[in-house]
């Protein structure tokens, strides 16, 4: 996370994610926070992901 990103500006993405799913979610030029969120019955670790809420505002300007 960049120093200028205020933690209050992070928005939690819905759901929990496995480590191998992170590559499908992370995008350049966006700040993230990843926190451990437990594990599945088979022991696979799960993560909660928070993304810079400013990214959503920027994307709203780009979307038709």
N, C-alpha and C. Protein backbone atom coordinates (compact mmCIF):
# COMPACT_ATOMS: atom_id res chain seq x y z
N UNK A 1 0.85 -1.16 0.00
CA UNK A 1 0.00 0.00 0.00
C UNK A 1 0.90 1.23 0.00
N UNK A 2 0.56 2.21 -0.82
CA UNK A 2 1.33 3.45 -0.84
C UNK A 2 1.06 4.25 0.43
N UNK A 3 2.02 5.06 0.81
CA UNK A 3 1.89 5.84 2.03
C UNK A 3 0.70 6.80 1.96
N UNK A 4 0.35 7.29 0.75
CA UNK A 4 -0.74 8.25 0.65
C UNK A 4 -2.13 7.62 0.71
N UNK A 5 -2.23 6.31 0.70
CA UNK A 5 -3.54 5.65 0.77
C UNK A 5 -3.97 5.53 2.23
N UNK A 6 -5.06 6.20 2.54
CA UNK A 6 -5.63 6.14 3.88
C UNK A 6 -6.38 4.82 4.02
N UNK A 7 -6.12 4.04 5.08
CA UNK A 7 -6.81 2.76 5.24
C UNK A 7 -8.33 2.88 5.21
N UNK A 8 -8.87 4.05 5.55
CA UNK A 8 -10.33 4.22 5.50
C UNK A 8 -10.83 4.31 4.07
N UNK A 9 -9.93 4.47 3.10
CA UNK A 9 -10.32 4.54 1.70
C UNK A 9 -10.34 3.17 1.04
N UNK A 10 -10.11 2.12 1.82
CA UNK A 10 -10.14 0.77 1.27
C UNK A 10 -11.54 0.18 1.40
N UNK A 11 -11.98 -0.50 0.35
CA UNK A 11 -13.30 -1.11 0.32
C UNK A 11 -13.13 -2.62 0.20
N UNK A 12 -13.83 -3.37 1.03
CA UNK A 12 -13.69 -4.83 0.99
C UNK A 12 -14.41 -5.41 -0.22
N UNK A 13 -13.72 -6.26 -0.95
CA UNK A 13 -14.34 -6.98 -2.05
C UNK A 13 -15.20 -8.09 -1.45
N UNK A 14 -16.37 -8.34 -2.02
CA UNK A 14 -17.22 -9.40 -1.48
C UNK A 14 -16.59 -10.78 -1.64
N UNK A 15 -16.80 -11.61 -0.66
CA UNK A 15 -16.31 -12.99 -0.72
C UNK A 15 -14.96 -13.18 -0.09
N UNK A 16 -14.53 -14.43 -0.08
CA UNK A 16 -13.20 -14.82 0.40
C UNK A 16 -12.49 -15.49 -0.76
N UNK A 17 -11.17 -15.37 -0.79
CA UNK A 17 -10.40 -15.83 -1.94
C UNK A 17 -9.27 -16.75 -1.53
N UNK A 18 -8.95 -17.69 -2.41
CA UNK A 18 -7.80 -18.58 -2.23
C UNK A 18 -6.57 -17.90 -2.83
N UNK A 19 -5.40 -18.31 -2.39
CA UNK A 19 -4.16 -17.67 -2.83
C UNK A 19 -4.04 -17.63 -4.35
N UNK A 20 -4.41 -18.71 -5.03
CA UNK A 20 -4.23 -18.75 -6.48
C UNK A 20 -5.23 -17.86 -7.23
N UNK A 21 -6.24 -17.36 -6.54
CA UNK A 21 -7.21 -16.46 -7.17
C UNK A 21 -6.75 -15.00 -7.14
N UNK A 22 -5.75 -14.70 -6.33
CA UNK A 22 -5.30 -13.31 -6.20
C UNK A 22 -4.83 -12.73 -7.52
N UNK A 23 -4.16 -13.52 -8.35
CA UNK A 23 -3.66 -13.03 -9.63
C UNK A 23 -4.79 -12.58 -10.55
N UNK A 24 -5.97 -13.13 -10.39
CA UNK A 24 -7.11 -12.75 -11.22
C UNK A 24 -7.78 -11.46 -10.74
N UNK A 25 -7.46 -11.05 -9.53
CA UNK A 25 -8.12 -9.89 -8.93
C UNK A 25 -7.24 -8.65 -8.96
N UNK A 26 -5.96 -8.82 -8.69
CA UNK A 26 -5.04 -7.69 -8.57
C UNK A 26 -4.83 -7.02 -9.92
N UNK A 27 -4.93 -5.69 -9.93
CA UNK A 27 -4.71 -4.89 -11.13
C UNK A 27 -3.66 -3.83 -10.82
N UNK A 28 -2.93 -3.45 -11.84
CA UNK A 28 -1.90 -2.42 -11.69
C UNK A 28 -2.53 -1.09 -11.29
N UNK A 29 -1.74 -0.24 -10.67
CA UNK A 29 -2.15 1.11 -10.30
C UNK A 29 -3.28 1.15 -9.27
N UNK A 30 -3.37 0.13 -8.45
CA UNK A 30 -4.40 0.08 -7.42
C UNK A 30 -3.78 -0.47 -6.14
N UNK A 31 -4.15 0.09 -5.01
CA UNK A 31 -3.62 -0.37 -3.73
C UNK A 31 -4.55 -1.42 -3.13
N UNK A 32 -3.95 -2.41 -2.49
CA UNK A 32 -4.70 -3.52 -1.89
C UNK A 32 -4.21 -3.78 -0.48
N UNK A 33 -5.08 -4.39 0.29
CA UNK A 33 -4.72 -4.96 1.59
C UNK A 33 -5.30 -6.37 1.59
N UNK A 34 -4.48 -7.34 1.92
CA UNK A 34 -4.91 -8.74 1.95
C UNK A 34 -4.76 -9.24 3.38
N UNK A 35 -5.84 -9.80 3.92
CA UNK A 35 -5.83 -10.30 5.30
C UNK A 35 -6.23 -11.77 5.33
N UNK A 36 -5.61 -12.51 6.20
CA UNK A 36 -5.99 -13.91 6.40
C UNK A 36 -7.42 -13.95 6.94
N UNK A 37 -8.22 -14.88 6.40
CA UNK A 37 -9.63 -14.95 6.79
C UNK A 37 -10.06 -16.38 7.10
N UNK A 38 -9.13 -17.19 7.57
CA UNK A 38 -9.46 -18.56 7.94
C UNK A 38 -9.07 -19.55 6.87
N UNK A 39 -9.71 -20.71 6.92
CA UNK A 39 -9.40 -21.76 5.95
C UNK A 39 -10.62 -22.63 5.69
N UNK A 40 -10.57 -23.34 4.57
CA UNK A 40 -11.65 -24.26 4.21
C UNK A 40 -11.50 -25.54 5.02
N UNK A 41 -12.47 -26.44 4.89
CA UNK A 41 -12.44 -27.72 5.60
C UNK A 41 -11.21 -28.54 5.23
N UNK A 42 -10.71 -28.38 4.00
CA UNK A 42 -9.52 -29.15 3.59
C UNK A 42 -8.21 -28.44 3.91
N UNK A 43 -8.27 -27.30 4.60
CA UNK A 43 -7.07 -26.61 5.03
C UNK A 43 -6.56 -25.53 4.09
N UNK A 44 -7.29 -25.25 3.01
CA UNK A 44 -6.88 -24.20 2.08
C UNK A 44 -7.10 -22.85 2.74
N UNK A 45 -6.06 -22.02 2.77
CA UNK A 45 -6.16 -20.72 3.41
C UNK A 45 -7.02 -19.77 2.58
N UNK A 46 -7.84 -18.98 3.26
CA UNK A 46 -8.72 -18.00 2.62
C UNK A 46 -8.29 -16.59 3.00
N UNK A 47 -8.54 -15.65 2.09
CA UNK A 47 -8.13 -14.27 2.29
C UNK A 47 -9.28 -13.31 2.01
N UNK A 48 -9.34 -12.24 2.80
CA UNK A 48 -10.23 -11.12 2.53
C UNK A 48 -9.39 -10.07 1.82
N UNK A 49 -9.96 -9.43 0.81
CA UNK A 49 -9.22 -8.45 0.02
C UNK A 49 -9.91 -7.10 0.10
N UNK A 50 -9.12 -6.08 0.36
CA UNK A 50 -9.60 -4.71 0.39
C UNK A 50 -8.90 -3.96 -0.74
N UNK A 51 -9.67 -3.18 -1.50
CA UNK A 51 -9.11 -2.44 -2.63
C UNK A 51 -9.36 -0.95 -2.42
N UNK A 52 -8.45 -0.15 -2.93
CA UNK A 52 -8.56 1.30 -2.87
C UNK A 52 -9.90 1.73 -3.47
N UNK A 53 -10.75 2.38 -2.69
CA UNK A 53 -12.07 2.78 -3.17
C UNK A 53 -11.99 3.83 -4.26
N UNK A 54 -10.85 4.53 -4.35
CA UNK A 54 -10.69 5.51 -5.43
C UNK A 54 -10.65 4.81 -6.79
N UNK A 55 -10.24 3.54 -6.82
CA UNK A 55 -10.22 2.77 -8.06
C UNK A 55 -11.63 2.64 -8.62
N UNK A 56 -12.61 2.41 -7.76
CA UNK A 56 -14.00 2.27 -8.20
C UNK A 56 -14.49 3.57 -8.82
N UNK A 57 -14.14 4.70 -8.22
CA UNK A 57 -14.55 6.00 -8.77
C UNK A 57 -13.91 6.23 -10.13
N UNK A 58 -12.65 5.88 -10.28
CA UNK A 58 -11.96 6.03 -11.56
C UNK A 58 -12.61 5.15 -12.62
N UNK A 59 -12.97 3.91 -12.27
CA UNK A 59 -13.58 2.99 -13.23
C UNK A 59 -14.97 3.47 -13.63
N UNK A 60 -15.69 4.12 -12.74
CA UNK A 60 -17.03 4.62 -13.06
C UNK A 60 -16.95 5.68 -14.15
N UNK A 61 -15.86 6.45 -14.18
CA UNK A 61 -15.68 7.46 -15.21
C UNK A 61 -15.38 6.83 -16.56
N UNK A 62 -14.78 5.65 -16.57
CA UNK A 62 -14.38 4.98 -17.81
C UNK A 62 -15.52 4.16 -18.40
N UNK A 63 -16.35 3.59 -17.54
CA UNK A 63 -17.44 2.72 -18.01
C UNK A 63 -18.46 3.52 -18.83
N UNK A 64 -19.00 2.91 -19.90
CA UNK A 64 -20.02 3.61 -20.72
C UNK A 64 -21.33 3.77 -19.98
